[in-house]
Amino acid sequence: MEPQKKNKPNSLVIILFSLIVLMIIIYFVLVMFFPTVFEHMNTGDIQPIPDK
């Protein structure tokens, strides 16, 4: 019997996936330790348009 080749993902896919996971973890750490930074960010809430 011949040894079967394992289906390994490309190294670029592994790097991109690990970067996404790392960015999510860093985001939650920043929110826990620096909540005031994220309080002043624009959330895209609908604001009334003043009459001219």
C-alpha atoms as a PDB file:
ATOM      1  CA  MET A   1       0.000   0.000   0.000  1.00  0.00           C
ATOM      2  CA  GLU A   2       1.246   3.462  -0.902  1.00  0.00           C
ATOM      3  CA  PRO A   3       1.290   6.175   1.755  1.00  0.00           C
ATOM      4  CA  GLN A   4      -1.614   8.561   1.305  1.00  0.00           C
ATOM      5  CA  LYS A   5      -0.955  12.270   0.890  1.00  0.00           C
ATOM      6  CA  LYS A   6      -2.586  14.358   3.568  1.00  0.00           C
ATOM      7  CA  ASN A   7      -4.780  17.199   2.386  1.00  0.00           C
ATOM      8  CA  LYS A   8      -3.021  20.174   3.971  1.00  0.00           C
ATOM      9  CA  PRO A   9      -4.312  23.739   3.468  1.00  0.00           C
ATOM     10  CA  ASN A  10      -2.068  26.315   1.890  1.00  0.00           C
ATOM     11  CA  SER A  11       0.245  28.191   4.285  1.00  0.00           C
ATOM     12  CA  LEU A  12      -1.311  31.494   3.180  1.00  0.00           C
ATOM     13  CA  VAL A  13      -4.745  30.263   4.260  1.00  0.00           C
ATOM     14  CA  ILE A  14      -3.378  29.277   7.673  1.00  0.00           C
ATOM     15  CA  ILE A  15      -1.690  32.678   8.100  1.00  0.00           C
ATOM     16  CA  LEU A  16      -4.828  34.608   7.118  1.00  0.00           C
ATOM     17  CA  PHE A  17      -7.062  32.555   9.401  1.00  0.00           C
ATOM     18  CA  SER A  18      -4.681  32.967  12.345  1.00  0.00           C
ATOM     19  CA  LEU A  19      -4.487  36.729  11.731  1.00  0.00           C
ATOM     20  CA  ILE A  20      -8.274  37.024  11.848  1.00  0.00           C
ATOM     21  CA  VAL A  21      -8.427  35.078  15.106  1.00  0.00           C
ATOM     22  CA  LEU A  22      -5.590  37.164  16.550  1.00  0.00           C
ATOM     23  CA  MET A  23      -7.329  40.429  15.600  1.00  0.00           C
ATOM     24  CA  ILE A  24     -10.555  39.292  17.305  1.00  0.00           C
ATOM     25  CA  ILE A  25      -8.654  38.393  20.487  1.00  0.00           C
ATOM     26  CA  ILE A  26      -6.787  41.726  20.467  1.00  0.00           C
ATOM     27  CA  TYR A  27     -10.096  43.578  19.989  1.00  0.00           C
ATOM     28  CA  PHE A  28     -11.645  41.928  23.059  1.00  0.00           C
ATOM     29  CA  VAL A  29      -8.514  42.614  25.138  1.00  0.00           C
ATOM     30  CA  LEU A  30      -8.599  46.283  24.124  1.00  0.00           C
ATOM     31  CA  VAL A  31     -12.303  46.549  24.953  1.00  0.00           C
ATOM     32  CA  MET A  32     -11.676  45.055  28.385  1.00  0.00           C
ATOM     33  CA  PHE A  33      -8.724  47.271  29.292  1.00  0.00           C
ATOM     34  CA  PHE A  34      -9.527  50.475  27.377  1.00  0.00           C
ATOM     35  CA  PRO A  35     -13.330  50.848  27.198  1.00  0.00           C
ATOM     36  CA  THR A  36     -13.171  54.655  26.882  1.00  0.00           C
ATOM     37  CA  VAL A  37     -11.478  54.365  23.477  1.00  0.00           C
ATOM     38  CA  PHE A  38     -14.503  52.554  22.043  1.00  0.00           C
ATOM     39  CA  GLU A  39     -17.127  54.758  23.758  1.00  0.00           C
ATOM     40  CA  HIS A  40     -16.320  57.740  21.531  1.00  0.00           C
ATOM     41  CA  MET A  41     -16.295  55.840  18.232  1.00  0.00           C
ATOM     42  CA  ASN A  42     -18.954  56.615  15.642  1.00  0.00           C
ATOM     43  CA  THR A  43     -21.507  53.788  15.580  1.00  0.00           C
ATOM     44  CA  GLY A  44     -23.479  55.032  12.599  1.00  0.00           C
ATOM     45  CA  ASP A  45     -26.618  55.895  14.540  1.00  0.00           C
ATOM     46  CA  ILE A  46     -29.323  57.752  12.621  1.00  0.00           C
ATOM     47  CA  GLN A  47     -29.307  61.430  13.534  1.00  0.00           C
ATOM     48  CA  PRO A  48     -31.987  63.981  12.683  1.00  0.00           C
ATOM     49  CA  ILE A  49     -31.205  66.428   9.897  1.00  0.00           C
ATOM     50  CA  PRO A  50     -31.577  70.039  11.101  1.00  0.00           C
ATOM     51  CA  ASP A  51     -34.094  72.179   9.188  1.00  0.00           C
ATOM     52  CA  LYS A  52     -32.586  74.994   7.150  1.00  0.00           C
END
